[in-house]
């Protein structure tokens, strides 16, 4: 299932693709995430041997998604030694 994050007008919408159409699954406040379209489904798996620093876009059951420059990274919850903060939709 393809998911993306749509951020505009201070709102953050988690969308899922359904029969070629994007439909809102959840909508919350953006909490500091810059406006744009973030394709969560294209995120690369995080390399545990490297340190990652960037804006946390989304925290969900599948893990945390981070944006650094133009690359999105997905990390599993167990990769964190402490709780993360960011925009969770």
Foldseek 3Di string as FASTA:
>chain_A
DWWKWADDPQKIFIWDDDPNDTDTPDMDGQFPDDGDIGGPVQAAEDDLVDDDDAAFREADQQATWGDDPHHIYGYHPVSDPDDDDHDYD
